[in-house]
PDB file of N, CA and C in Angstrom:
ATOM      1  N   MET A   1     101.415  53.418  88.262  1.00  0.00           N
ATOM      2  CA  MET A   1     101.295  54.741  88.827  1.00  0.00           C
ATOM      3  C   MET A   1     100.059  54.814  89.708  1.00  0.00           C
ATOM      4  N   SER A   2     100.214  55.488  90.804  1.00  0.00           N
ATOM      5  CA  SER A   2      99.072  55.660  91.689  1.00  0.00           C
ATOM      6  C   SER A   2      98.512  57.071  91.521  1.00  0.00           C
ATOM      7  N   THR A   3      97.221  57.156  91.535  1.00  0.00           N
ATOM      8  CA  THR A   3      96.591  58.464  91.431  1.00  0.00           C
ATOM      9  C   THR A   3      96.143  58.889  92.814  1.00  0.00           C
ATOM     10  N   THR A   4      96.514  60.085  93.190  1.00  0.00           N
ATOM     11  CA  THR A   4      96.104  60.604  94.491  1.00  0.00           C
ATOM     12  C   THR A   4      94.926  61.534  94.296  1.00  0.00           C
ATOM     13  N   THR A   5      93.948  61.403  95.165  1.00  0.00           N
ATOM     14  CA  THR A   5      92.781  62.276  95.083  1.00  0.00           C
ATOM     15  C   THR A   5      92.951  63.418  96.064  1.00  0.00           C
ATOM     16  N   ARG A   6      92.521  64.568  95.627  1.00  0.00           N
ATOM     17  CA  ARG A   6      92.611  65.754  96.458  1.00  0.00           C
ATOM     18  C   ARG A   6      91.344  65.895  97.266  1.00  0.00           C
ATOM     19  N   ASN A   7      91.486  66.313  98.510  1.00  0.00           N
ATOM     20  CA  ASN A   7      90.312  66.557  99.333  1.00  0.00           C
ATOM     21  C   ASN A   7      89.540  67.750  98.795  1.00  0.00           C
ATOM     22  N   SER A   8      88.227  67.743  99.033  1.00  0.00           N
ATOM     23  CA  SER A   8      87.442  68.891  98.612  1.00  0.00           C
ATOM     24  C   SER A   8      87.774  70.070  99.520  1.00  0.00           C
ATOM     25  N   ARG A   9      87.906  71.216  98.924  1.00  0.00           N
ATOM     26  CA  ARG A   9      88.301  72.412  99.662  1.00  0.00           C
ATOM     27  C   ARG A   9      87.148  73.396  99.721  1.00  0.00           C
ATOM     28  N   LYS A  10      87.110  74.171 100.785  1.00  0.00           N
ATOM     29  CA  LYS A  10      86.033  75.135 100.965  1.00  0.00           C
ATOM     30  C   LYS A  10      86.183  76.285  99.981  1.00  0.00           C
ATOM     31  N   ASP A  11      85.050  76.745  99.466  1.00  0.00           N
ATOM     32  CA  ASP A  11      84.989  77.921  98.599  1.00  0.00           C
ATOM     33  C   ASP A  11      84.114  78.954  99.275  1.00  0.00           C
ATOM     34  N   LEU A  12      84.543  80.211  99.266  1.00  0.00           N
ATOM     35  CA  LEU A  12      83.757  81.310  99.817  1.00  0.00           C
ATOM     36  C   LEU A  12      83.738  82.456  98.822  1.00  0.00           C
ATOM     37  N   ILE A  13      82.722  83.292  98.940  1.00  0.00           N
ATOM     38  CA  ILE A  13      82.620  84.503  98.127  1.00  0.00           C
ATOM     39  C   ILE A  13      82.559  85.682  99.087  1.00  0.00           C
ATOM     40  N   GLY A  14      83.427  86.669  98.863  1.00  0.00           N
ATOM     41  CA  GLY A  14      83.476  87.822  99.751  1.00  0.00           C
ATOM     42  C   GLY A  14      83.959  89.060  99.020  1.00  0.00           C
ATOM     43  N   PHE A  15      84.213  90.107  99.802  1.00  0.00           N
ATOM     44  CA  PHE A  15      84.616  91.399  99.268  1.00  0.00           C
ATOM     45  C   PHE A  15      85.989  91.776  99.802  1.00  0.00           C
ATOM     46  N   VAL A  16      86.843  92.303  98.926  1.00  0.00           N
ATOM     47  CA  VAL A  16      88.173  92.747  99.335  1.00  0.00           C
ATOM     48  C   VAL A  16      88.019  94.026 100.145  1.00  0.00           C
ATOM     49  N   THR A  17      88.504  94.009 101.384  1.00  0.00           N
ATOM     50  CA  THR A  17      88.369  95.180 102.253  1.00  0.00           C
ATOM     51  C   THR A  17      89.694  95.854 102.549  1.00  0.00           C
ATOM     52  N   SER A  18      90.816  95.175 102.280  1.00  0.00           N
ATOM     53  CA  SER A  18      92.107  95.782 102.574  1.00  0.00           C
ATOM     54  C   SER A  18      93.193  95.129 101.731  1.00  0.00           C
ATOM     55  N   ARG A  19      94.151  95.954 101.294  1.00  0.00           N
ATOM     56  CA  ARG A  19      95.359  95.446 100.631  1.00  0.00           C
ATOM     57  C   ARG A  19      96.516  95.840 101.520  1.00  0.00           C
ATOM     58  N   SER A  20      96.992  94.901 102.322  1.00  0.00           N
ATOM     59  CA  SER A  20      97.973  95.241 103.348  1.00  0.00           C
ATOM     60  C   SER A  20      99.410  95.195 102.848  1.00  0.00           C
ATOM     61  N   GLY A  21      99.767  94.219 102.047  1.00  0.00           N
ATOM     62  CA  GLY A  21     101.147  94.111 101.582  1.00  0.00           C
ATOM     63  C   GLY A  21     101.184  93.536 100.187  1.00  0.00           C
ATOM     64  N   ASP A  22     102.367  93.150  99.733  1.00  0.00           N
ATOM     65  CA  ASP A  22     102.509  92.562  98.419  1.00  0.00           C
ATOM     66  C   ASP A  22     101.910  91.163  98.416  1.00  0.00           C
ATOM     67  N   LYS A  23     100.979  90.906  97.518  1.00  0.00           N
ATOM     68  CA  LYS A  23     100.306  89.611  97.352  1.00  0.00           C
ATOM     69  C   LYS A  23      99.447  89.213  98.547  1.00  0.00           C
ATOM     70  N   SER A  24      99.064  90.170  99.372  1.00  0.00           N
ATOM     71  CA  SER A  24      98.229  89.879 100.548  1.00  0.00           C
ATOM     72  C   SER A  24      97.023  90.803 100.569  1.00  0.00           C
ATOM     73  N   ILE A  25      95.847  90.238 100.820  1.00  0.00           N
ATOM     74  CA  ILE A  25      94.636  91.030 100.955  1.00  0.00           C
ATOM     75  C   ILE A  25      93.804  90.472 102.102  1.00  0.00           C
ATOM     76  N   LYS A  26      92.850  91.283 102.551  1.00  0.00           N
ATOM     77  CA  LYS A  26      91.858  90.818 103.508  1.00  0.00           C
ATOM     78  C   LYS A  26      90.521  90.764 102.787  1.00  0.00           C
ATOM     79  N   VAL A  27      89.811  89.660 102.973  1.00  0.00           N
ATOM     80  CA  VAL A  27      88.496  89.484 102.354  1.00  0.00           C
ATOM     81  C   VAL A  27      87.472  89.318 103.464  1.00  0.00           C
ATOM     82  N   THR A  28      86.396  90.101 103.402  1.00  0.00           N
ATOM     83  CA  THR A  28      85.299  89.996 104.349  1.00  0.00           C
ATOM     84  C   THR A  28      84.205  89.147 103.720  1.00  0.00           C
ATOM     85  N   VAL A  29      83.828  88.087 104.435  1.00  0.00           N
ATOM     86  CA  VAL A  29      82.769  87.196 103.975  1.00  0.00           C
ATOM     87  C   VAL A  29      81.552  87.442 104.866  1.00  0.00           C
ATOM     88  N   PRO A  30      80.554  88.171 104.362  1.00  0.00           N
ATOM     89  CA  PRO A  30      79.382  88.476 105.181  1.00  0.00           C
ATOM     90  C   PRO A  30      78.330  87.368 105.104  1.00  0.00           C
ATOM     91  N   TYR A  31      77.589  87.233 106.180  1.00  0.00           N
ATOM     92  CA  TYR A  31      76.460  86.309 106.185  1.00  0.00           C
ATOM     93  C   TYR A  31      75.432  86.806 107.189  1.00  0.00           C
ATOM     94  N   LYS A  32      74.220  86.367 107.032  1.00  0.00           N
ATOM     95  CA  LYS A  32      73.126  86.767 107.920  1.00  0.00           C
ATOM     96  C   LYS A  32      72.524  85.527 108.547  1.00  0.00           C
ATOM     97  N   ILE A  33      72.275  85.600 109.844  1.00  0.00           N
ATOM     98  CA  ILE A  33      71.656  84.483 110.555  1.00  0.00           C
ATOM     99  C   ILE A  33      70.540  85.018 111.438  1.00  0.00           C
ATOM    100  N   PRO A  34      69.512  84.239 111.682  1.00  0.00           N
ATOM    101  CA  PRO A  34      68.471  84.685 112.606  1.00  0.00           C
ATOM    102  C   PRO A  34      68.916  84.489 114.051  1.00  0.00           C
ATOM    103  N   HIS A  35      68.490  85.399 114.913  1.00  0.00           N
ATOM    104  CA  HIS A  35      68.764  85.262 116.346  1.00  0.00           C
ATOM    105  C   HIS A  35      68.093  83.988 116.837  1.00  0.00           C
ATOM    106  N   PRO A  36      68.762  83.200 117.700  1.00  0.00           N
ATOM    107  CA  PRO A  36      68.191  81.925 118.127  1.00  0.00           C
ATOM    108  C   PRO A  36      66.834  82.027 118.821  1.00  0.00           C
ATOM    109  N   LEU A  37      66.625  83.101 119.565  1.00  0.00           N
ATOM    110  CA  LEU A  37      65.373  83.234 120.310  1.00  0.00           C
ATOM    111  C   LEU A  37      64.374  84.154 119.616  1.00  0.00           C
ATOM    112  N   TYR A  38      64.846  85.326 119.173  1.00  0.00           N
ATOM    113  CA  TYR A  38      63.931  86.349 118.668  1.00  0.00           C
ATOM    114  C   TYR A  38      63.765  86.344 117.152  1.00  0.00           C
ATOM    115  N   GLN A  39      64.553  85.579 116.417  1.00  0.00           N
ATOM    116  CA  GLN A  39      64.458  85.443 114.969  1.00  0.00           C
ATOM    117  C   GLN A  39      64.742  86.727 114.192  1.00  0.00           C
ATOM    118  N   LYS A  40      65.299  87.745 114.848  1.00  0.00           N
ATOM    119  CA  LYS A  40      65.703  88.940 114.120  1.00  0.00           C
ATOM    120  C   LYS A  40      66.982  88.616 113.342  1.00  0.00           C
ATOM    121  N   VAL A  41      67.063  89.106 112.115  1.00  0.00           N
ATOM    122  CA  VAL A  41      68.218  88.818 111.282  1.00  0.00           C
ATOM    123  C   VAL A  41      69.416  89.634 111.771  1.00  0.00           C
ATOM    124  N   ILE A  42      70.520  88.943 111.997  1.00  0.00           N
ATOM    125  CA  ILE A  42      71.736  89.574 112.490  1.00  0.00           C
ATOM    126  C   ILE A  42      72.798  89.496 111.401  1.00  0.00           C
ATOM    127  N   ASN A  43      73.461  90.620 111.128  1.00  0.00           N
ATOM    128  CA  ASN A  43      74.556  90.643 110.159  1.00  0.00           C
ATOM    129  C   ASN A  43      75.833  90.207 110.854  1.00  0.00           C
ATOM    130  N   ARG A  44      76.490  89.224 110.299  1.00  0.00           N
ATOM    131  CA  ARG A  44      77.772  88.759 110.822  1.00  0.00           C
ATOM    132  C   ARG A  44      78.779  88.776 109.688  1.00  0.00           C
ATOM    133  N   LYS A  45      80.062  88.698 110.032  1.00  0.00           N
ATOM    134  CA  LYS A  45      81.090  88.680 109.000  1.00  0.00           C
ATOM    135  C   LYS A  45      82.282  87.864 109.486  1.00  0.00           C
ATOM    136  N   THR A  46      83.011  87.333 108.541  1.00  0.00           N
ATOM    137  CA  THR A  46      84.255  86.634 108.797  1.00  0.00           C
ATOM    138  C   THR A  46      85.322  87.310 107.954  1.00  0.00           C
ATOM    139  N   VAL A  47      86.434  87.662 108.562  1.00  0.00           N
ATOM    140  CA  VAL A  47      87.530  88.290 107.836  1.00  0.00           C
ATOM    141  C   VAL A  47      88.660  87.271 107.717  1.00  0.00           C
ATOM    142  N   VAL A  48      89.093  87.009 106.488  1.00  0.00           N
ATOM    143  CA  VAL A  48      90.167  86.052 106.248  1.00  0.00           C
ATOM    144  C   VAL A  48      91.304  86.729 105.483  1.00  0.00           C
ATOM    145  N   HIS A  49      92.516  86.278 105.732  1.00  0.00           N
ATOM    146  CA  HIS A  49      93.692  86.759 105.017  1.00  0.00           C
ATOM    147  C   HIS A  49      93.897  85.850 103.803  1.00  0.00           C
ATOM    148  N   VAL A  50      94.083  86.472 102.638  1.00  0.00           N
ATOM    149  CA  VAL A  50      94.076  85.739 101.375  1.00  0.00           C
ATOM    150  C   VAL A  50      95.348  86.047 100.583  1.00  0.00           C
ATOM    151  N   HIS A  51      95.851  85.032  99.887  1.00  0.00           N
ATOM    152  CA  HIS A  51      97.014  85.181  99.016  1.00  0.00           C
ATOM    153  C   HIS A  51      96.551  85.561  97.614  1.00  0.00           C
ATOM    154  N   ASP A  52      97.063  86.674  97.112  1.00  0.00           N
ATOM    155  CA  ASP A  52      96.735  87.167  95.769  1.00  0.00           C
ATOM    156  C   ASP A  52      98.017  87.150  94.943  1.00  0.00           C
ATOM    157  N   GLU A  53      98.272  86.036  94.286  1.00  0.00           N
ATOM    158  CA  GLU A  53      99.552  85.816  93.591  1.00  0.00           C
ATOM    159  C   GLU A  53      99.837  86.875  92.536  1.00  0.00           C
ATOM    160  N   LYS A  54      98.825  87.290  91.774  1.00  0.00           N
ATOM    161  CA  LYS A  54      99.044  88.210  90.652  1.00  0.00           C
ATOM    162  C   LYS A  54      98.771  89.667  91.009  1.00  0.00           C
ATOM    163  N   ASN A  55      98.415  89.971  92.244  1.00  0.00           N
ATOM    164  CA  ASN A  55      98.047  91.331  92.660  1.00  0.00           C
ATOM    165  C   ASN A  55      96.975  91.913  91.740  1.00  0.00           C
ATOM    166  N   GLU A  56      95.943  91.117  91.448  1.00  0.00           N
ATOM    167  CA  GLU A  56      94.928  91.517  90.481  1.00  0.00           C
ATOM    168  C   GLU A  56      93.694  92.152  91.110  1.00  0.00           C
ATOM    169  N   THR A  57      93.568  92.147  92.423  1.00  0.00           N
ATOM    170  CA  THR A  57      92.349  92.652  93.061  1.00  0.00           C
ATOM    171  C   THR A  57      92.524  94.079  93.563  1.00  0.00           C
ATOM    172  N   LYS A  58      91.376  94.764  93.675  1.00  0.00           N
ATOM    173  CA  LYS A  58      91.331  96.101  94.242  1.00  0.00           C
ATOM    174  C   LYS A  58      90.345  96.089  95.403  1.00  0.00           C
ATOM    175  N   ILE A  59      90.381  97.103  96.224  1.00  0.00           N
ATOM    176  CA  ILE A  59      89.436  97.214  97.337  1.00  0.00           C
ATOM    177  C   ILE A  59      88.031  97.361  96.776  1.00  0.00           C
ATOM    178  N   GLY A  60      87.114  96.532  97.267  1.00  0.00           N
ATOM    179  CA  GLY A  60      85.731  96.564  96.823  1.00  0.00           C
ATOM    180  C   GLY A  60      85.379  95.477  95.836  1.00  0.00           C
ATOM    181  N   ASP A  61      86.362  94.757  95.309  1.00  0.00           N
ATOM    182  CA  ASP A  61      86.091  93.670  94.364  1.00  0.00           C
ATOM    183  C   ASP A  61      85.367  92.526  95.060  1.00  0.00           C
ATOM    184  N   LYS A  62      84.467  91.888  94.328  1.00  0.00           N
ATOM    185  CA  LYS A  62      83.815  90.672  94.808  1.00  0.00           C
ATOM    186  C   LYS A  62      84.622  89.499  94.266  1.00  0.00           C
ATOM    187  N   VAL A  63      85.134  88.645  95.174  1.00  0.00           N
ATOM    188  CA  VAL A  63      86.053  87.586  94.763  1.00  0.00           C
ATOM    189  C   VAL A  63      85.599  86.229  95.286  1.00  0.00           C
ATOM    190  N   GLU A  64      86.044  85.194  94.588  1.00  0.00           N
ATOM    191  CA  GLU A  64      85.850  83.830  95.058  1.00  0.00           C
ATOM    192  C   GLU A  64      87.194  83.347  95.584  1.00  0.00           C
ATOM    193  N   ILE A  65      87.198  82.786  96.807  1.00  0.00           N
ATOM    194  CA  ILE A  65      88.435  82.314  97.410  1.00  0.00           C
ATOM    195  C   ILE A  65      88.316  80.834  97.739  1.00  0.00           C
ATOM    196  N   MET A  66      89.464  80.163  97.824  1.00  0.00           N
ATOM    197  CA  MET A  66      89.495  78.737  98.098  1.00  0.00           C
ATOM    198  C   MET A  66      90.502  78.452  99.209  1.00  0.00           C
ATOM    199  N   GLU A  67      90.145  77.515 100.061  1.00  0.00           N
ATOM    200  CA  GLU A  67      91.035  77.099 101.128  1.00  0.00           C
ATOM    201  C   GLU A  67      92.270  76.430 100.523  1.00  0.00           C
ATOM    202  N   THR A  68      93.435  76.640 101.138  1.00  0.00           N
ATOM    203  CA  THR A  68      94.665  76.058 100.623  1.00  0.00           C
ATOM    204  C   THR A  68      95.610  75.749 101.780  1.00  0.00           C
ATOM    205  N   ARG A  69      96.782  75.242 101.467  1.00  0.00           N
ATOM    206  CA  ARG A  69      97.762  74.947 102.506  1.00  0.00           C
ATOM    207  C   ARG A  69      98.221  76.248 103.157  1.00  0.00           C
ATOM    208  N   PRO A  70      98.787  76.198 104.355  1.00  0.00           N
ATOM    209  CA  PRO A  70      99.282  77.434 104.978  1.00  0.00           C
ATOM    210  C   PRO A  70     100.387  78.079 104.140  1.00  0.00           C
ATOM    211  N   ILE A  71     100.185  79.347 103.790  1.00  0.00           N
ATOM    212  CA  ILE A  71     101.159  80.077 102.986  1.00  0.00           C
ATOM    213  C   ILE A  71     102.026  80.949 103.889  1.00  0.00           C
ATOM    214  N   SER A  72     101.442  81.491 104.945  1.00  0.00           N
ATOM    215  CA  SER A  72     102.185  82.265 105.934  1.00  0.00           C
ATOM    216  C   SER A  72     101.498  82.065 107.283  1.00  0.00           C
ATOM    217  N   ARG A  73     101.838  82.897 108.237  1.00  0.00           N
ATOM    218  CA  ARG A  73     101.292  82.733 109.587  1.00  0.00           C
ATOM    219  C   ARG A  73      99.774  82.847 109.618  1.00  0.00           C
ATOM    220  N   LEU A  74      99.196  83.729 108.806  1.00  0.00           N
ATOM    221  CA  LEU A  74      97.755  83.949 108.815  1.00  0.00           C
ATOM    222  C   LEU A  74      97.052  83.515 107.528  1.00  0.00           C
ATOM    223  N   LYS A  75      97.764  83.426 106.422  1.00  0.00           N
ATOM    224  CA  LYS A  75      97.120  83.162 105.136  1.00  0.00           C
ATOM    225  C   LYS A  75      96.886  81.667 104.920  1.00  0.00           C
ATOM    226  N   ARG A  76      95.601  81.313 104.786  1.00  0.00           N
ATOM    227  CA  ARG A  76      95.198  79.934 104.519  1.00  0.00           C
ATOM    228  C   ARG A  76      94.234  79.863 103.336  1.00  0.00           C
ATOM    229  N   TRP A  77      94.074  80.956 102.616  1.00  0.00           N
ATOM    230  CA  TRP A  77      93.142  81.049 101.495  1.00  0.00           C
ATOM    231  C   TRP A  77      93.872  81.659 100.306  1.00  0.00           C
ATOM    232  N   ARG A  78      93.352  81.401  99.091  1.00  0.00           N
ATOM    233  CA  ARG A  78      93.908  82.003  97.887  1.00  0.00           C
ATOM    234  C   ARG A  78      92.774  82.426  96.960  1.00  0.00           C
ATOM    235  N   ILE A  79      93.065  83.377  96.080  1.00  0.00           N
ATOM    236  CA  ILE A  79      92.093  83.890  95.120  1.00  0.00           C
ATOM    237  C   ILE A  79      91.871  82.858  94.022  1.00  0.00           C
ATOM    238  N   VAL A  80      90.603  82.571  93.717  1.00  0.00           N
ATOM    239  CA  VAL A  80      90.273  81.724  92.573  1.00  0.00           C
ATOM    240  C   VAL A  80      90.000  82.615  91.367  1.00  0.00           C
ATOM    241  N   LYS A  81      89.088  83.588  91.549  1.00  0.00           N
ATOM    242  CA  LYS A  81      88.812  84.530  90.462  1.00  0.00           C
ATOM    243  C   LYS A  81      88.095  85.748  91.020  1.00  0.00           C
ATOM    244  N   VAL A  82      88.142  86.820  90.249  1.00  0.00           N
ATOM    245  CA  VAL A  82      87.427  88.046  90.573  1.00  0.00           C
ATOM    246  C   VAL A  82      86.061  87.953  89.905  1.00  0.00           C
ATOM    247  N   LEU A  83      84.996  87.975  90.714  1.00  0.00           N
ATOM    248  CA  LEU A  83      83.641  87.851  90.174  1.00  0.00           C
ATOM    249  C   LEU A  83      83.116  89.175  89.645  1.00  0.00           C
ATOM    250  N   GLU A  84      83.319  90.255  90.416  1.00  0.00           N
ATOM    251  CA  GLU A  84      82.890  91.595  90.001  1.00  0.00           C
ATOM    252  C   GLU A  84      83.972  92.588  90.379  1.00  0.00           C
ATOM    253  N   ALA A  85      84.326  93.432  89.445  1.00  0.00           N
ATOM    254  CA  ALA A  85      85.303  94.480  89.736  1.00  0.00           C
ATOM    255  C   ALA A  85      84.631  95.595  90.520  1.00  0.00           C
ATOM    256  N   ALA A  86      85.411  96.307  91.298  1.00  0.00           N
ATOM    257  CA  ALA A  86      84.884  97.395  92.116  1.00  0.00           C
ATOM    258  C   ALA A  86      84.409  98.536  91.226  1.00  0.00           C
ATOM    259  N   VAL A  87      83.321  99.173  91.644  1.00  0.00           N
ATOM    260  CA  VAL A  87      82.765 100.288  90.884  1.00  0.00           C
ATOM    261  C   VAL A  87      83.572 101.557  91.131  1.00  0.00           C
ATOM    262  N   THR A  88      83.994 101.771  92.382  1.00  0.00           N
ATOM    263  CA  THR A  88      84.734 102.978  92.727  1.00  0.00           C
ATOM    264  C   THR A  88      86.204 102.803  92.383  1.00  0.00           C
ATOM    265  N   ALA A  89      86.831 103.894  91.994  1.00  0.00           N
ATOM    266  CA  ALA A  89      88.237 103.852  91.617  1.00  0.00           C
ATOM    267  C   ALA A  89      89.141 104.330  92.742  1.00  0.00           C
ATOM    268  N   ASP A  90      88.566 104.938  93.789  1.00  0.00           N
ATOM    269  CA  ASP A  90      89.410 105.432  94.881  1.00  0.00           C
ATOM    270  C   ASP A  90      89.807 104.282  95.805  1.00  0.00           C
ATOM    271  N   GLY A  91      90.788 104.531  96.645  1.00  0.00           N
ATOM    272  CA  GLY A  91      91.302 103.499  97.531  1.00  0.00           C
ATOM    273  C   GLY A  91      90.632 103.469  98.893  1.00  0.00           C
ATOM    274  N   ALA A  92      89.425 103.996  99.019  1.00  0.00           N
ATOM    275  CA  ALA A  92      88.742 104.016 100.309  1.00  0.00           C
ATOM    276  C   ALA A  92      88.195 102.635 100.635  1.00  0.00           C
ATOM    277  N   ALA A  93      88.310 102.263 101.885  1.00  0.00           N
ATOM    278  CA  ALA A  93      87.812 100.959 102.323  1.00  0.00           C
ATOM    279  C   ALA A  93      86.283 100.981 102.360  1.00  0.00           C
ATOM    280  N   ILE A  94      85.670  99.833 102.126  1.00  0.00           N
ATOM    281  CA  ILE A  94      84.222  99.757 102.184  1.00  0.00           C
ATOM    282  C   ILE A  94      83.802  99.420 103.604  1.00  0.00           C
ATOM    283  N   SER A  95      82.641  99.903 103.993  1.00  0.00           N
ATOM    284  CA  SER A  95      82.187  99.716 105.364  1.00  0.00           C
ATOM    285  C   SER A  95      81.387  98.428 105.499  1.00  0.00           C
ATOM    286  N   GLU A  96      81.163  98.039 106.739  1.00  0.00           N
ATOM    287  CA  GLU A  96      80.383  96.831 107.028  1.00  0.00           C
ATOM    288  C   GLU A  96      78.946  96.992 106.550  1.00  0.00           C
ATOM    289  N   LYS A  97      78.418  98.217 106.627  1.00  0.00           N
ATOM    290  CA  LYS A  97      77.053  98.483 106.186  1.00  0.00           C
ATOM    291  C   LYS A  97      76.909  98.254 104.679  1.00  0.00           C
ATOM    292  N   ASP A  98      77.910  98.685 103.900  1.00  0.00           N
ATOM    293  CA  ASP A  98      77.876  98.474 102.453  1.00  0.00           C
ATOM    294  C   ASP A  98      77.884  96.993 102.112  1.00  0.00           C
ATOM    295  N   VAL A  99      78.681  96.224 102.842  1.00  0.00           N
ATOM    296  CA  VAL A  99      78.762  94.784 102.597  1.00  0.00           C
ATOM    297  C   VAL A  99      77.462  94.106 102.986  1.00  0.00           C
ATOM    298  N   ALA A 100      76.856  94.514 104.109  1.00  0.00           N
ATOM    299  CA  ALA A 100      75.631  93.885 104.603  1.00  0.00           C
ATOM    300  C   ALA A 100      74.448  94.095 103.654  1.00  0.00           C
ATOM    301  N   GLU A 101      74.443  95.212 102.924  1.00  0.00           N
ATOM    302  CA  GLU A 101      73.348  95.479 101.993  1.00  0.00           C
ATOM    303  C   GLU A 101      73.362  94.526 100.797  1.00  0.00           C
ATOM    304  N   LEU A 102      74.508  93.962 100.475  1.00  0.00           N
ATOM    305  CA  LEU A 102      74.633  93.101  99.304  1.00  0.00           C
ATOM    306  C   LEU A 102      74.374  91.637  99.607  1.00  0.00           C
ATOM    307  N   VAL A 103      74.209  91.291 100.878  1.00  0.00           N
ATOM    308  CA  VAL A 103      74.077  89.886 101.277  1.00  0.00           C
ATOM    309  C   VAL A 103      72.610  89.492 101.318  1.00  0.00           C
ATOM    310  N   PRO A 104      72.256  88.368 100.703  1.00  0.00           N
ATOM    311  CA  PRO A 104      70.857  87.921 100.792  1.00  0.00           C
ATOM    312  C   PRO A 104      70.526  87.429 102.197  1.00  0.00           C
ATOM    313  N   THR A 105      69.265  87.551 102.567  1.00  0.00           N
ATOM    314  CA  THR A 105      68.810  87.145 103.898  1.00  0.00           C
ATOM    315  C   THR A 105      68.380  85.692 103.883  1.00  0.00           C
ATOM    316  N   LYS A 106      68.842  84.945 104.875  1.00  0.00           N
ATOM    317  CA  LYS A 106      68.416  83.542 105.028  1.00  0.00           C
ATOM    318  C   LYS A 106      67.775  83.409 106.413  1.00  0.00           C
ATOM    319  N   THR A 107      66.485  83.425 106.456  1.00  0.00           N
ATOM    320  CA  THR A 107      65.794  83.274 107.738  1.00  0.00           C
ATOM    321  C   THR A 107      65.010  81.969 107.728  1.00  0.00           C
ATOM    322  N   THR A 108      65.198  81.226 108.759  1.00  0.00           N
ATOM    323  CA  THR A 108      64.448  79.974 108.905  1.00  0.00           C
ATOM    324  C   THR A 108      63.902  79.902 110.314  1.00  0.00           C
ATOM    325  N   LYS A 109      62.635  79.602 110.429  1.00  0.00           N
ATOM    326  CA  LYS A 109      62.034  79.450 111.744  1.00  0.00           C
ATOM    327  C   LYS A 109      61.980  77.983 112.104  1.00  0.00           C
ATOM    328  N   ALA A 110      62.359  77.697 113.331  1.00  0.00           N
ATOM    329  CA  ALA A 110      62.389  76.306 113.762  1.00  0.00           C
ATOM    330  C   ALA A 110      61.016  75.873 114.232  1.00  0.00           C
TER     331      ALA A 110
END
């Protein structure tokens, strides 16, 4: 028998910002980078479409996601686990400002 090794897959931590359809969510992965010239910290974000097999997430949850094979036209990620459940019970979307406040700052001067 031959054993096949799996390639290492990317892991990200982000916040659920939208539940668009059945088993589909959008996760915003925020990060901060210094401006190349002025070194001011800039808030950036990446929005990815994620497969949620068990429909276990709510808007505002902090989740860990993993890269996977293409599941649909846009979905290339899947839920690994829910790290923190959302504090609010309403279905209101969280803003970019709320997400940016939770991200640690990484500033490095060259």
